[in-house]
Amino acid sequence: MNIQTGGLNPEDELLKTVLDDTAAMVPQEQRPPDFEARLAKRILVGATGRSRSLTNMQMIGLLALADVLRIPTTYR
């Protein structure tokens, strides 16, 4: 997902950075269909009503990745 960053506010820029960094953990050839769109949706859902600190957003990104790849987690 290539989003032009020219007009993004800092909060949107943080979400884009988390999406890009999290997606980069999975090689292109191992990504399921609609991977980035599903990952972005899970990150947005996870971030709703939560602190937007970098550490928290990175955790949300990892949990979203586990959800999209269907890796069981015990943290919620």
PDB file of N, CA and C in Angstrom:
ATOM      1  N   MET A   1       0.849  -1.162   0.000  1.00  0.00           N
ATOM      2  CA  MET A   1       0.000   0.000   0.000  1.00  0.00           C
ATOM      3  C   MET A   1       0.896   1.227   0.000  1.00  0.00           C
ATOM      4  N   ASN A   2       0.849   1.986  -1.056  1.00  0.00           N
ATOM      5  CA  ASN A   2       1.675   3.177  -1.168  1.00  0.00           C
ATOM      6  C   ASN A   2       0.811   4.411  -0.954  1.00  0.00           C
ATOM      7  N   ILE A   3       0.950   5.028   0.183  1.00  0.00           N
ATOM      8  CA  ILE A   3       0.206   6.233   0.506  1.00  0.00           C
ATOM      9  C   ILE A   3       1.177   7.400   0.403  1.00  0.00           C
ATOM     10  N   GLN A   4       0.791   8.426  -0.327  1.00  0.00           N
ATOM     11  CA  GLN A   4       1.619   9.618  -0.407  1.00  0.00           C
ATOM     12  C   GLN A   4       1.530  10.343   0.926  1.00  0.00           C
ATOM     13  N   THR A   5       2.657  10.707   1.513  1.00  0.00           N
ATOM     14  CA  THR A   5       2.673  11.283   2.850  1.00  0.00           C
ATOM     15  C   THR A   5       2.626  12.801   2.858  1.00  0.00           C
ATOM     16  N   GLY A   6       2.495  13.449   1.712  1.00  0.00           N
ATOM     17  CA  GLY A   6       2.519  14.903   1.656  1.00  0.00           C
ATOM     18  C   GLY A   6       1.516  15.585   2.556  1.00  0.00           C
ATOM     19  N   GLY A   7       0.287  15.076   2.667  1.00  0.00           N
ATOM     20  CA  GLY A   7      -0.737  15.758   3.425  1.00  0.00           C
ATOM     21  C   GLY A   7      -1.141  15.067   4.712  1.00  0.00           C
ATOM     22  N   LEU A   8      -0.400  14.094   5.159  1.00  0.00           N
ATOM     23  CA  LEU A   8      -0.790  13.360   6.368  1.00  0.00           C
ATOM     24  C   LEU A   8      -0.438  14.149   7.621  1.00  0.00           C
ATOM     25  N   ASN A   9      -1.342  14.083   8.601  1.00  0.00           N
ATOM     26  CA  ASN A   9      -1.026  14.696   9.886  1.00  0.00           C
ATOM     27  C   ASN A   9      -0.133  13.740  10.674  1.00  0.00           C
ATOM     28  N   PRO A  10       0.463  14.179  11.775  1.00  0.00           N
ATOM     29  CA  PRO A  10       1.398  13.317  12.522  1.00  0.00           C
ATOM     30  C   PRO A  10       0.790  11.991  12.988  1.00  0.00           C
ATOM     31  N   GLU A  11      -0.486  12.002  13.361  1.00  0.00           N
ATOM     32  CA  GLU A  11      -1.126  10.760  13.804  1.00  0.00           C
ATOM     33  C   GLU A  11      -1.262   9.782  12.646  1.00  0.00           C
ATOM     34  N   ASP A  12      -1.660  10.279  11.483  1.00  0.00           N
ATOM     35  CA  ASP A  12      -1.748   9.420  10.304  1.00  0.00           C
ATOM     36  C   ASP A  12      -0.372   8.919   9.880  1.00  0.00           C
ATOM     37  N   GLU A  13       0.628   9.768  10.004  1.00  0.00           N
ATOM     38  CA  GLU A  13       1.992   9.375   9.668  1.00  0.00           C
ATOM     39  C   GLU A  13       2.455   8.235  10.575  1.00  0.00           C
ATOM     40  N   LEU A  14       2.109   8.303  11.865  1.00  0.00           N
ATOM     41  CA  LEU A  14       2.459   7.229  12.801  1.00  0.00           C
ATOM     42  C   LEU A  14       1.776   5.924  12.389  1.00  0.00           C
ATOM     43  N   LEU A  15       0.506   5.991  12.034  1.00  0.00           N
ATOM     44  CA  LEU A  15      -0.216   4.787  11.598  1.00  0.00           C
ATOM     45  C   LEU A  15       0.422   4.196  10.340  1.00  0.00           C
ATOM     46  N   LYS A  16       0.808   5.056   9.400  1.00  0.00           N
ATOM     47  CA  LYS A  16       1.455   4.584   8.171  1.00  0.00           C
ATOM     48  C   LYS A  16       2.801   3.933   8.480  1.00  0.00           C
ATOM     49  N   THR A  17       3.560   4.545   9.380  1.00  0.00           N
ATOM     50  CA  THR A  17       4.860   3.994   9.759  1.00  0.00           C
ATOM     51  C   THR A  17       4.695   2.619  10.402  1.00  0.00           C
ATOM     52  N   VAL A  18       3.722   2.497  11.301  1.00  0.00           N
ATOM     53  CA  VAL A  18       3.469   1.206  11.959  1.00  0.00           C
ATOM     54  C   VAL A  18       3.049   0.170  10.917  1.00  0.00           C
ATOM     55  N   LEU A  19       2.180   0.548  10.000  1.00  0.00           N
ATOM     56  CA  LEU A  19       1.757  -0.377   8.945  1.00  0.00           C
ATOM     57  C   LEU A  19       2.949  -0.816   8.098  1.00  0.00           C
ATOM     58  N   ASP A  20       3.745   0.126   7.650  1.00  0.00           N
ATOM     59  CA  ASP A  20       4.896  -0.206   6.806  1.00  0.00           C
ATOM     60  C   ASP A  20       5.909  -1.079   7.541  1.00  0.00           C
ATOM     61  N   ASP A  21       6.219  -0.719   8.782  1.00  0.00           N
ATOM     62  CA  ASP A  21       7.205  -1.490   9.557  1.00  0.00           C
ATOM     63  C   ASP A  21       6.704  -2.897   9.857  1.00  0.00           C
ATOM     64  N   THR A  22       5.426  -3.010  10.167  1.00  0.00           N
ATOM     65  CA  THR A  22       4.858  -4.324  10.487  1.00  0.00           C
ATOM     66  C   THR A  22       4.785  -5.185   9.231  1.00  0.00           C
ATOM     67  N   ALA A  23       4.328  -4.622   8.131  1.00  0.00           N
ATOM     68  CA  ALA A  23       4.229  -5.376   6.878  1.00  0.00           C
ATOM     69  C   ALA A  23       5.598  -5.855   6.411  1.00  0.00           C
ATOM     70  N   ALA A  24       6.623  -5.073   6.671  1.00  0.00           N
ATOM     71  CA  ALA A  24       7.980  -5.435   6.234  1.00  0.00           C
ATOM     72  C   ALA A  24       8.508  -6.686   6.932  1.00  0.00           C
ATOM     73  N   MET A  25       7.872  -7.111   7.999  1.00  0.00           N
ATOM     74  CA  MET A  25       8.307  -8.312   8.718  1.00  0.00           C
ATOM     75  C   MET A  25       7.966  -9.596   7.969  1.00  0.00           C
ATOM     76  N   VAL A  26       7.073  -9.495   6.979  1.00  0.00           N
ATOM     77  CA  VAL A  26       6.648 -10.678   6.236  1.00  0.00           C
ATOM     78  C   VAL A  26       7.120 -10.536   4.790  1.00  0.00           C
ATOM     79  N   PRO A  27       7.912 -11.490   4.309  1.00  0.00           N
ATOM     80  CA  PRO A  27       8.376 -11.415   2.922  1.00  0.00           C
ATOM     81  C   PRO A  27       7.190 -11.357   1.950  1.00  0.00           C
ATOM     82  N   GLN A  28       7.353 -10.612   0.884  1.00  0.00           N
ATOM     83  CA  GLN A  28       6.291 -10.397  -0.103  1.00  0.00           C
ATOM     84  C   GLN A  28       5.663 -11.712  -0.562  1.00  0.00           C
ATOM     85  N   GLU A  29       6.489 -12.707  -0.838  1.00  0.00           N
ATOM     86  CA  GLU A  29       5.975 -13.978  -1.372  1.00  0.00           C
ATOM     87  C   GLU A  29       5.206 -14.808  -0.337  1.00  0.00           C
ATOM     88  N   GLN A  30       5.284 -14.447   0.937  1.00  0.00           N
ATOM     89  CA  GLN A  30       4.582 -15.192   1.978  1.00  0.00           C
ATOM     90  C   GLN A  30       3.324 -14.475   2.477  1.00  0.00           C
ATOM     91  N   ARG A  31       2.991 -13.357   1.868  1.00  0.00           N
ATOM     92  CA  ARG A  31       1.834 -12.584   2.306  1.00  0.00           C
ATOM     93  C   ARG A  31       0.545 -13.159   1.716  1.00  0.00           C
ATOM     94  N   PRO A  32      -0.474 -13.329   2.563  1.00  0.00           N
ATOM     95  CA  PRO A  32      -1.761 -13.800   2.050  1.00  0.00           C
ATOM     96  C   PRO A  32      -2.443 -12.718   1.205  1.00  0.00           C
ATOM     97  N   PRO A  33      -3.489 -13.084   0.466  1.00  0.00           N
ATOM     98  CA  PRO A  33      -4.206 -12.092  -0.337  1.00  0.00           C
ATOM     99  C   PRO A  33      -4.718 -10.930   0.529  1.00  0.00           C
ATOM    100  N   ASP A  34      -4.687  -9.741  -0.018  1.00  0.00           N
ATOM    101  CA  ASP A  34      -5.155  -8.526   0.670  1.00  0.00           C
ATOM    102  C   ASP A  34      -4.447  -8.288   2.000  1.00  0.00           C
ATOM    103  N   PHE A  35      -3.208  -8.731   2.109  1.00  0.00           N
ATOM    104  CA  PHE A  35      -2.462  -8.661   3.364  1.00  0.00           C
ATOM    105  C   PHE A  35      -2.405  -7.251   3.940  1.00  0.00           C
ATOM    106  N   GLU A  36      -1.953  -6.289   3.150  1.00  0.00           N
ATOM    107  CA  GLU A  36      -1.766  -4.943   3.686  1.00  0.00           C
ATOM    108  C   GLU A  36      -3.097  -4.281   4.038  1.00  0.00           C
ATOM    109  N   ALA A  37      -4.127  -4.513   3.252  1.00  0.00           N
ATOM    110  CA  ALA A  37      -5.439  -3.930   3.564  1.00  0.00           C
ATOM    111  C   ALA A  37      -5.985  -4.506   4.865  1.00  0.00           C
ATOM    112  N   ARG A  38      -5.861  -5.810   5.036  1.00  0.00           N
ATOM    113  CA  ARG A  38      -6.345  -6.441   6.275  1.00  0.00           C
ATOM    114  C   ARG A  38      -5.514  -5.995   7.467  1.00  0.00           C
ATOM    115  N   LEU A  39      -4.207  -5.875   7.272  1.00  0.00           N
ATOM    116  CA  LEU A  39      -3.324  -5.424   8.345  1.00  0.00           C
ATOM    117  C   LEU A  39      -3.666  -3.994   8.745  1.00  0.00           C
ATOM    118  N   ALA A  40      -3.859  -3.131   7.766  1.00  0.00           N
ATOM    119  CA  ALA A  40      -4.214  -1.730   8.048  1.00  0.00           C
ATOM    120  C   ALA A  40      -5.513  -1.647   8.831  1.00  0.00           C
ATOM    121  N   LYS A  41      -6.496  -2.428   8.432  1.00  0.00           N
ATOM    122  CA  LYS A  41      -7.789  -2.423   9.135  1.00  0.00           C
ATOM    123  C   LYS A  41      -7.624  -2.859  10.585  1.00  0.00           C
ATOM    124  N   ARG A  42      -6.845  -3.914  10.817  1.00  0.00           N
ATOM    125  CA  ARG A  42      -6.644  -4.411  12.186  1.00  0.00           C
ATOM    126  C   ARG A  42      -5.885  -3.387  13.030  1.00  0.00           C
ATOM    127  N   ILE A  43      -4.924  -2.703  12.438  1.00  0.00           N
ATOM    128  CA  ILE A  43      -4.185  -1.672  13.174  1.00  0.00           C
ATOM    129  C   ILE A  43      -5.132  -0.537  13.555  1.00  0.00           C
ATOM    130  N   LEU A  44      -5.969  -0.102  12.628  1.00  0.00           N
ATOM    131  CA  LEU A  44      -6.921   0.968  12.924  1.00  0.00           C
ATOM    132  C   LEU A  44      -7.894   0.559  14.028  1.00  0.00           C
ATOM    133  N   VAL A  45      -8.412  -0.648  13.951  1.00  0.00           N
ATOM    134  CA  VAL A  45      -9.328  -1.142  14.985  1.00  0.00           C
ATOM    135  C   VAL A  45      -8.613  -1.209  16.331  1.00  0.00           C
ATOM    136  N   GLY A  46      -7.400  -1.726  16.331  1.00  0.00           N
ATOM    137  CA  GLY A  46      -6.636  -1.847  17.575  1.00  0.00           C
ATOM    138  C   GLY A  46      -6.262  -0.512  18.184  1.00  0.00           C
ATOM    139  N   ALA A  47      -6.079   0.493  17.347  1.00  0.00           N
ATOM    140  CA  ALA A  47      -5.659   1.811  17.835  1.00  0.00           C
ATOM    141  C   ALA A  47      -6.820   2.660  18.338  1.00  0.00           C
ATOM    142  N   THR A  48      -8.039   2.287  17.986  1.00  0.00           N
ATOM    143  CA  THR A  48      -9.207   3.076  18.362  1.00  0.00           C
ATOM    144  C   THR A  48      -9.330   3.169  19.881  1.00  0.00           C
ATOM    145  N   GLY A  49      -9.310   4.400  20.372  1.00  0.00           N
ATOM    146  CA  GLY A  49      -9.490   4.634  21.799  1.00  0.00           C
ATOM    147  C   GLY A  49      -8.279   4.322  22.662  1.00  0.00           C
ATOM    148  N   ARG A  50      -7.145   4.078  22.043  1.00  0.00           N
ATOM    149  CA  ARG A  50      -5.936   3.741  22.803  1.00  0.00           C
ATOM    150  C   ARG A  50      -4.880   4.822  22.632  1.00  0.00           C
ATOM    151  N   SER A  51      -3.905   4.785  23.505  1.00  0.00           N
ATOM    152  CA  SER A  51      -2.778   5.717  23.433  1.00  0.00           C
ATOM    153  C   SER A  51      -2.049   5.542  22.110  1.00  0.00           C
ATOM    154  N   ARG A  52      -1.636   6.640  21.521  1.00  0.00           N
ATOM    155  CA  ARG A  52      -0.908   6.589  20.256  1.00  0.00           C
ATOM    156  C   ARG A  52       0.593   6.714  20.470  1.00  0.00           C
ATOM    157  N   SER A  53       1.073   6.266  21.623  1.00  0.00           N
ATOM    158  CA  SER A  53       2.522   6.275  21.831  1.00  0.00           C
ATOM    159  C   SER A  53       3.156   5.281  20.864  1.00  0.00           C
ATOM    160  N   LEU A  54       4.394   5.515  20.503  1.00  0.00           N
ATOM    161  CA  LEU A  54       5.075   4.641  19.553  1.00  0.00           C
ATOM    162  C   LEU A  54       5.111   3.203  20.051  1.00  0.00           C
ATOM    163  N   THR A  55       5.430   3.013  21.312  1.00  0.00           N
ATOM    164  CA  THR A  55       5.506   1.655  21.863  1.00  0.00           C
ATOM    165  C   THR A  55       4.154   0.954  21.786  1.00  0.00           C
ATOM    166  N   ASN A  56       3.099   1.651  22.153  1.00  0.00           N
ATOM    167  CA  ASN A  56       1.766   1.061  22.105  1.00  0.00           C
ATOM    168  C   ASN A  56       1.368   0.737  20.670  1.00  0.00           C
ATOM    169  N   MET A  57       1.671   1.639  19.763  1.00  0.00           N
ATOM    170  CA  MET A  57       1.324   1.405  18.363  1.00  0.00           C
ATOM    171  C   MET A  57       2.118   0.239  17.768  1.00  0.00           C
ATOM    172  N   GLN A  58       3.357   0.066  18.183  1.00  0.00           N
ATOM    173  CA  GLN A  58       4.141  -1.078  17.712  1.00  0.00           C
ATOM    174  C   GLN A  58       3.534  -2.385  18.220  1.00  0.00           C
ATOM    175  N   MET A  59       3.070  -2.395  19.457  1.00  0.00           N
ATOM    176  CA  MET A  59       2.412  -3.594  20.014  1.00  0.00           C
ATOM    177  C   MET A  59       1.122  -3.887  19.250  1.00  0.00           C
ATOM    178  N   ILE A  60       0.359  -2.840  18.960  1.00  0.00           N
ATOM    179  CA  ILE A  60      -0.867  -3.014  18.187  1.00  0.00           C
ATOM    180  C   ILE A  60      -0.530  -3.590  16.810  1.00  0.00           C
ATOM    181  N   GLY A  61       0.539  -3.109  16.193  1.00  0.00           N
ATOM    182  CA  GLY A  61       0.964  -3.627  14.898  1.00  0.00           C
ATOM    183  C   GLY A  61       1.313  -5.106  14.957  1.00  0.00           C
ATOM    184  N   LEU A  62       2.021  -5.506  15.993  1.00  0.00           N
ATOM    185  CA  LEU A  62       2.389  -6.926  16.131  1.00  0.00           C
ATOM    186  C   LEU A  62       1.166  -7.801  16.372  1.00  0.00           C
ATOM    187  N   LEU A  63       0.241  -7.321  17.191  1.00  0.00           N
ATOM    188  CA  LEU A  63      -0.986  -8.085  17.427  1.00  0.00           C
ATOM    189  C   LEU A  63      -1.836  -8.167  16.161  1.00  0.00           C
ATOM    190  N   ALA A  64      -1.873  -7.082  15.404  1.00  0.00           N
ATOM    191  CA  ALA A  64      -2.600  -7.085  14.133  1.00  0.00           C
ATOM    192  C   ALA A  64      -1.969  -8.081  13.165  1.00  0.00           C
ATOM    193  N   LEU A  65      -0.646  -8.118  13.133  1.00  0.00           N
ATOM    194  CA  LEU A  65       0.061  -9.062  12.271  1.00  0.00           C
ATOM    195  C   LEU A  65      -0.276 -10.498  12.658  1.00  0.00           C
ATOM    196  N   ALA A  66      -0.257 -10.789  13.941  1.00  0.00           N
ATOM    197  CA  ALA A  66      -0.605 -12.132  14.404  1.00  0.00           C
ATOM    198  C   ALA A  66      -2.036 -12.486  14.007  1.00  0.00           C
ATOM    199  N   ASP A  67      -2.934 -11.522  14.098  1.00  0.00           N
ATOM    200  CA  ASP A  67      -4.328 -11.766  13.742  1.00  0.00           C
ATOM    201  C   ASP A  67      -4.470 -12.038  12.248  1.00  0.00           C
ATOM    202  N   VAL A  68      -3.833 -11.226  11.419  1.00  0.00           N
ATOM    203  CA  VAL A  68      -3.925 -11.394   9.970  1.00  0.00           C
ATOM    204  C   VAL A  68      -3.307 -12.722   9.537  1.00  0.00           C
ATOM    205  N   LEU A  69      -2.214 -13.110  10.171  1.00  0.00           N
ATOM    206  CA  LEU A  69      -1.546 -14.382   9.830  1.00  0.00           C
ATOM    207  C   LEU A  69      -2.120 -15.559  10.596  1.00  0.00           C
ATOM    208  N   ARG A  70      -3.109 -15.278  11.452  1.00  0.00           N
ATOM    209  CA  ARG A  70      -3.794 -16.297  12.251  1.00  0.00           C
ATOM    210  C   ARG A  70      -2.852 -17.065  13.173  1.00  0.00           C
ATOM    211  N   ILE A  71      -2.001 -16.279  13.842  1.00  0.00           N
ATOM    212  CA  ILE A  71      -1.091 -16.836  14.841  1.00  0.00           C
ATOM    213  C   ILE A  71      -1.751 -16.638  16.197  1.00  0.00           C
ATOM    214  N   PRO A  72      -1.976 -17.697  16.973  1.00  0.00           N
ATOM    215  CA  PRO A  72      -2.637 -17.518  18.263  1.00  0.00           C
ATOM    216  C   PRO A  72      -1.796 -16.682  19.237  1.00  0.00           C
ATOM    217  N   THR A  73      -2.460 -15.791  19.943  1.00  0.00           N
ATOM    218  CA  THR A  73      -1.811 -14.997  20.978  1.00  0.00           C
ATOM    219  C   THR A  73      -2.644 -15.072  22.241  1.00  0.00           C
ATOM    220  N   THR A  74      -2.008 -14.790  23.370  1.00  0.00           N
ATOM    221  CA  THR A  74      -2.750 -14.793  24.630  1.00  0.00           C
ATOM    222  C   THR A  74      -2.962 -13.389  25.162  1.00  0.00           C
ATOM    223  N   TYR A  75      -2.334 -12.394  24.550  1.00  0.00           N
ATOM    224  CA  TYR A  75      -2.458 -11.012  25.005  1.00  0.00           C
ATOM    225  C   TYR A  75      -3.582 -10.324  24.240  1.00  0.00           C
ATOM    226  N   ARG A  76      -4.494  -9.699  24.933  1.00  0.00           N
ATOM    227  CA  ARG A  76      -5.575  -8.910  24.289  1.00  0.00           C
ATOM    228  C   ARG A  76      -5.949  -7.784  25.173  1.00  0.00           C
TER     229      ARG A  76
END
